[in-house]
Amino acid sequence: MEFQFETGEILLIHKPYTWTSFDVVGKMRSVIRQRLGIRKIKIGHAGTLDPLATGLLILCTGKFTRRIDEFQGLEKEYTGTFRLGATTPSFDLETPIDNTYPITSMSWCETLSIMEKIREAAEQFVATFDQVPPQFSAIKVDGKRAYESARKDINVEIKARQVTISAFEITRIELPDVDFRVVCSKGTYIRSLARDFGERLGCGAHLTSLCRTRIGSFYLRDAYNIEDFEKILHPPQTNLSSI
């Protein structure tokens, strides 16, 4: 397979668990340079994934880095799991549980069963609304990343952002875990959705797993694992005439 990295390529990569998006960019830059003997390569990603999330990451090289903003604005699709009955400061597993609540405290609609309440609550989020991003996020406040302050137990004011959720499907309920599929707009934080979902139910919740399965018309099923991508690249050919 021939790639034109210096001219421009769009690469679909499956981000591994615990890797940052910048880790993937750095690794791919290193692989391309070492395997193909390219000294300098322009490369960037189109949309951050949290370290504890996996899934589709779009990387652009060469002239296609100009399209990063375009790709970032595309609709996203995720699957994952919320755990009911407990909250964490980061709204996911980055930080330990700070509060627990009985799942039976779901009291916003007494006429529904627990299963019905969960599905009904999900339907309430299929809309356009203002969402407050997590304190543990890369959003800049006064020139500093919010997570830098959060890790020092300093809360900063993060303004709400308008987001759109066009689908929120509950795919499995195995209490306290609830699996879901979400289709949403740019800027939507699924960790914040976990917080809001738990608040809506009245029992708290946090995110325990997340995978991005689609960005616009690009799908995770078409993405390379980093190890597989390394294998399809060939090392630079030796110039025999110079020996």
Protein backbone atom coordinates (compact mmCIF):
# COMPACT_ATOMS: atom_id res chain seq x y z
CA MET A 1 0.00 0.00 0.00
CA GLU A 2 1.37 3.37 -1.03
CA PHE A 3 0.99 6.40 1.21
CA GLN A 4 1.78 10.00 0.33
CA PHE A 5 2.43 11.30 3.83
CA GLU A 6 4.37 14.40 2.84
CA THR A 7 1.78 15.42 0.25
CA GLY A 8 -1.15 14.56 2.50
CA GLU A 9 -3.01 11.58 3.95
CA ILE A 10 -6.05 11.00 6.15
CA LEU A 11 -5.38 8.14 8.57
CA LEU A 12 -7.99 6.38 10.69
CA ILE A 13 -6.39 5.05 13.88
CA HIS A 14 -7.85 3.04 16.76
CA LYS A 15 -6.59 4.87 19.87
CA PRO A 16 -5.45 2.44 22.58
CA TYR A 17 -6.64 2.61 26.19
CA THR A 18 -4.61 5.00 28.43
CA TRP A 19 -2.91 6.65 25.43
CA THR A 20 -3.47 10.38 24.93
CA SER A 21 -4.33 11.62 21.47
CA PHE A 22 -0.94 13.33 21.38
CA ASP A 23 0.73 10.01 22.26
CA VAL A 24 -0.81 8.57 19.08
CA VAL A 25 0.36 11.52 16.98
CA GLY A 26 3.88 11.20 18.38
CA LYS A 27 3.99 7.46 17.81
CA MET A 28 2.70 7.72 14.25
CA ARG A 29 5.16 10.49 13.44
CA SER A 30 8.00 8.34 14.77
CA VAL A 31 6.85 5.25 12.85
CA ILE A 32 6.51 7.12 9.56
CA ARG A 33 9.89 8.78 9.92
CA GLN A 34 11.74 5.63 10.92
CA ARG A 35 10.10 3.17 8.53
CA LEU A 36 10.07 5.40 5.47
CA GLY A 37 13.13 7.54 6.11
CA ILE A 38 11.14 10.78 6.07
CA ARG A 39 13.00 13.44 8.04
CA LYS A 40 10.13 15.82 8.62
CA ILE A 41 6.40 15.10 8.56
CA LYS A 42 3.53 17.42 9.38
CA ILE A 43 0.85 15.51 11.32
CA GLY A 44 -2.02 16.30 13.68
CA HIS A 45 -5.24 14.80 15.05
CA ALA A 46 -8.80 15.98 14.45
CA GLY A 47 -10.52 15.66 17.82
CA THR A 48 -9.18 14.65 21.22
CA LEU A 49 -10.12 11.44 22.98
CA ASP A 50 -9.60 11.14 26.75
CA PRO A 51 -6.81 8.76 27.82
CA LEU A 52 -9.35 6.32 29.30
CA ALA A 53 -11.37 6.27 26.06
CA THR A 54 -10.63 4.15 23.01
CA GLY A 55 -11.79 4.34 19.44
CA LEU A 56 -11.58 6.34 16.26
CA LEU A 57 -9.00 9.07 15.91
CA ILE A 58 -8.55 10.89 12.61
CA LEU A 59 -4.94 11.85 11.84
CA CYS A 60 -4.06 14.22 9.01
CA THR A 61 -0.65 14.62 7.39
CA GLY A 62 0.82 17.14 4.96
CA LYS A 63 -1.68 19.43 3.25
CA PHE A 64 -4.62 17.57 4.81
CA THR A 65 -3.79 19.13 8.20
CA ARG A 66 -5.69 22.13 6.80
CA ARG A 67 -8.87 20.03 7.08
CA ILE A 68 -8.53 19.32 10.80
CA ASP A 69 -11.13 21.95 11.78
CA GLU A 70 -13.52 20.48 9.20
CA PHE A 71 -13.22 16.98 10.66
CA GLN A 72 -13.49 18.25 14.24
CA GLY A 73 -16.89 19.73 13.43
CA LEU A 74 -18.39 16.43 12.27
CA GLU A 75 -21.03 14.46 14.18
CA LYS A 76 -19.64 11.83 16.59
CA GLU A 77 -20.93 8.45 17.73
CA TYR A 78 -19.91 6.68 20.93
CA THR A 79 -20.66 3.51 22.83
CA GLY A 80 -19.84 2.97 26.48
CA THR A 81 -20.97 2.25 30.02
CA PHE A 82 -22.28 4.39 32.86
CA ARG A 83 -22.15 3.05 36.42
CA LEU A 84 -25.08 4.21 38.50
CA GLY A 85 -25.00 4.85 42.24
CA ALA A 86 -21.59 6.52 42.49
CA THR A 87 -19.85 9.71 41.34
CA THR A 88 -16.24 10.77 40.84
CA PRO A 89 -14.76 14.30 40.54
CA SER A 90 -13.65 13.62 36.95
CA PHE A 91 -16.97 11.91 36.05
CA ASP A 92 -14.97 8.82 34.97
CA LEU A 93 -12.34 6.43 36.38
CA GLU A 94 -9.48 8.94 36.40
CA THR A 95 -10.35 9.85 39.99
CA PRO A 96 -11.71 7.70 42.84
CA ILE A 97 -15.35 7.58 43.90
CA ASP A 98 -16.28 10.50 46.13
CA ASN A 99 -19.97 9.77 46.80
CA THR A 100 -22.29 6.77 46.64
CA TYR A 101 -26.08 6.64 46.46
CA PRO A 102 -28.65 3.84 46.54
CA ILE A 103 -29.97 3.13 43.06
CA THR A 104 -33.40 2.77 44.64
CA SER A 105 -33.26 6.54 45.28
CA MET A 106 -34.41 7.15 41.70
CA SER A 107 -37.46 9.18 42.67
CA TRP A 108 -38.17 11.58 39.83
CA CYS A 109 -41.06 9.47 38.56
CA GLU A 110 -42.62 7.11 41.10
CA THR A 111 -44.90 5.42 38.56
CA LEU A 112 -42.05 3.91 36.52
CA SER A 113 -39.89 0.85 37.20
CA ILE A 114 -36.11 1.31 37.45
CA MET A 115 -35.63 0.04 33.89
CA GLU A 116 -38.30 2.40 32.59
CA LYS A 117 -36.81 5.32 34.49
CA ILE A 118 -33.39 4.72 32.93
CA ARG A 119 -34.76 4.61 29.39
CA GLU A 120 -37.07 7.57 29.98
CA ALA A 121 -34.19 9.62 31.39
CA ALA A 122 -32.09 8.92 28.28
CA GLU A 123 -34.88 10.18 26.04
CA GLN A 124 -34.87 13.50 27.90
CA PHE A 125 -31.35 14.24 26.63
CA VAL A 126 -32.17 13.87 22.93
CA ALA A 127 -32.21 17.61 22.32
CA THR A 128 -30.08 20.73 21.96
CA PHE A 129 -29.09 22.09 25.35
CA ASP A 130 -26.33 23.83 27.32
CA GLN A 131 -23.80 21.43 28.82
CA VAL A 132 -21.11 22.30 31.37
CA PRO A 133 -17.79 20.55 30.53
CA PRO A 134 -15.90 18.69 33.28
CA GLN A 135 -13.38 20.40 35.53
CA PHE A 136 -11.03 17.61 34.41
CA SER A 137 -10.88 18.75 30.79
CA ALA A 138 -8.39 20.33 28.41
CA ILE A 139 -10.44 23.51 28.10
CA LYS A 140 -8.32 26.60 28.72
CA VAL A 141 -9.36 28.97 31.50
CA ASP A 142 -7.18 32.08 31.87
CA GLY A 143 -4.54 30.44 29.68
CA LYS A 144 -4.34 27.25 31.74
CA ARG A 145 -5.84 23.82 31.08
CA ALA A 146 -8.77 23.21 33.44
CA TYR A 147 -7.47 19.77 34.45
CA GLU A 148 -4.24 21.35 35.76
CA SER A 149 -6.27 23.29 38.33
CA ALA A 150 -8.62 20.37 39.02
CA ARG A 151 -5.70 18.09 39.88
CA LYS A 152 -4.72 20.68 42.53
CA ASP A 153 -8.29 20.65 43.91
CA ILE A 154 -8.90 24.12 42.48
CA ASN A 155 -12.26 24.63 40.80
CA VAL A 156 -12.42 27.08 37.91
CA GLU A 157 -15.46 28.52 36.19
CA ILE A 158 -16.15 26.74 32.92
CA LYS A 159 -18.90 28.18 30.80
CA ALA A 160 -21.67 25.97 29.45
CA ARG A 161 -21.59 25.10 25.76
CA GLN A 162 -24.50 24.35 23.48
CA VAL A 163 -24.47 20.74 22.32
CA THR A 164 -26.88 18.52 20.44
CA ILE A 165 -27.58 14.87 21.17
CA SER A 166 -29.49 13.32 18.28
CA ALA A 167 -29.57 9.76 19.64
CA PHE A 168 -29.19 8.30 23.14
CA GLU A 169 -29.95 4.60 23.13
CA ILE A 170 -29.74 2.33 26.17
CA THR A 171 -28.38 -0.96 24.82
CA ARG A 172 -28.01 -3.00 28.04
CA ILE A 173 -29.02 -2.66 31.67
CA GLU A 174 -27.11 -4.83 34.14
CA LEU A 175 -27.32 -2.73 37.29
CA PRO A 176 -25.38 -0.86 38.40
CA ASP A 177 -24.01 -0.72 34.82
CA VAL A 178 -25.87 0.78 31.88
CA ASP A 179 -24.53 0.45 28.33
CA PHE A 180 -25.38 3.13 25.78
CA ARG A 181 -24.95 4.46 22.26
CA VAL A 182 -24.84 8.23 21.76
CA VAL A 183 -24.78 10.32 18.59
CA CYS A 184 -23.83 13.92 19.29
CA SER A 185 -22.42 17.18 18.03
CA LYS A 186 -18.92 18.59 18.31
CA GLY A 187 -18.00 19.63 21.84
CA THR A 188 -20.21 17.12 23.66
CA TYR A 189 -18.57 15.61 26.75
CA ILE A 190 -19.84 12.09 27.42
CA ARG A 191 -18.39 12.35 30.93
CA SER A 192 -20.63 15.37 31.53
CA LEU A 193 -23.53 13.38 30.12
CA ALA A 194 -22.77 10.70 32.74
CA ARG A 195 -22.95 13.34 35.47
CA ASP A 196 -26.18 14.84 34.13
CA PHE A 197 -27.74 11.42 33.56
CA GLY A 198 -27.01 10.41 37.15
CA GLU A 199 -28.42 13.69 38.44
CA ARG A 200 -31.54 13.24 36.36
CA LEU A 201 -32.07 9.79 37.86
CA GLY A 202 -31.26 11.00 41.35
CA CYS A 203 -28.66 8.32 42.08
CA GLY A 204 -25.44 9.68 40.57
CA ALA A 205 -23.38 8.08 37.79
CA HIS A 206 -19.93 8.07 36.26
CA LEU A 207 -18.41 6.84 33.02
CA THR A 208 -16.53 3.52 33.19
CA SER A 209 -15.84 2.89 29.50
CA LEU A 210 -16.06 4.85 26.26
CA CYS A 211 -15.34 4.08 22.62
CA ARG A 212 -15.74 6.46 19.68
CA THR A 213 -17.15 4.43 16.81
CA ARG A 214 -17.78 7.10 14.18
CA ILE A 215 -16.81 10.62 13.10
CA GLY A 216 -19.02 11.84 10.28
CA SER A 217 -18.75 9.20 7.54
CA PHE A 218 -15.55 7.70 9.01
CA TYR A 219 -15.98 4.46 11.00
CA LEU A 220 -13.88 2.68 13.61
CA ARG A 221 -14.25 -0.58 11.67
CA ASP A 222 -12.04 0.94 8.95
CA ALA A 223 -9.33 2.13 11.33
CA TYR A 224 -5.82 0.70 11.80
CA ASN A 225 -4.48 -0.54 15.09
CA ILE A 226 -1.09 1.08 15.58
CA GLU A 227 0.68 -2.29 15.56
CA ASP A 228 -0.98 -3.29 12.28
CA PHE A 229 -0.11 0.04 10.72
CA GLU A 230 3.54 -0.46 11.61
CA LYS A 231 3.54 -3.82 9.84
CA ILE A 232 2.26 -2.49 6.53
CA LEU A 233 4.98 0.16 6.32
CA HIS A 234 8.29 -0.94 4.84
CA PRO A 235 11.70 0.34 5.95
CA PRO A 236 13.53 2.66 3.52
CA GLN A 237 15.23 0.93 0.62
CA THR A 238 19.03 0.86 0.66
CA ASN A 239 20.57 2.78 -2.21
CA LEU A 240 22.93 0.08 -3.60
CA SER A 241 24.67 2.52 -5.92
CA SER A 242 26.06 4.40 -2.94
CA ILE A 243 27.65 1.27 -1.38
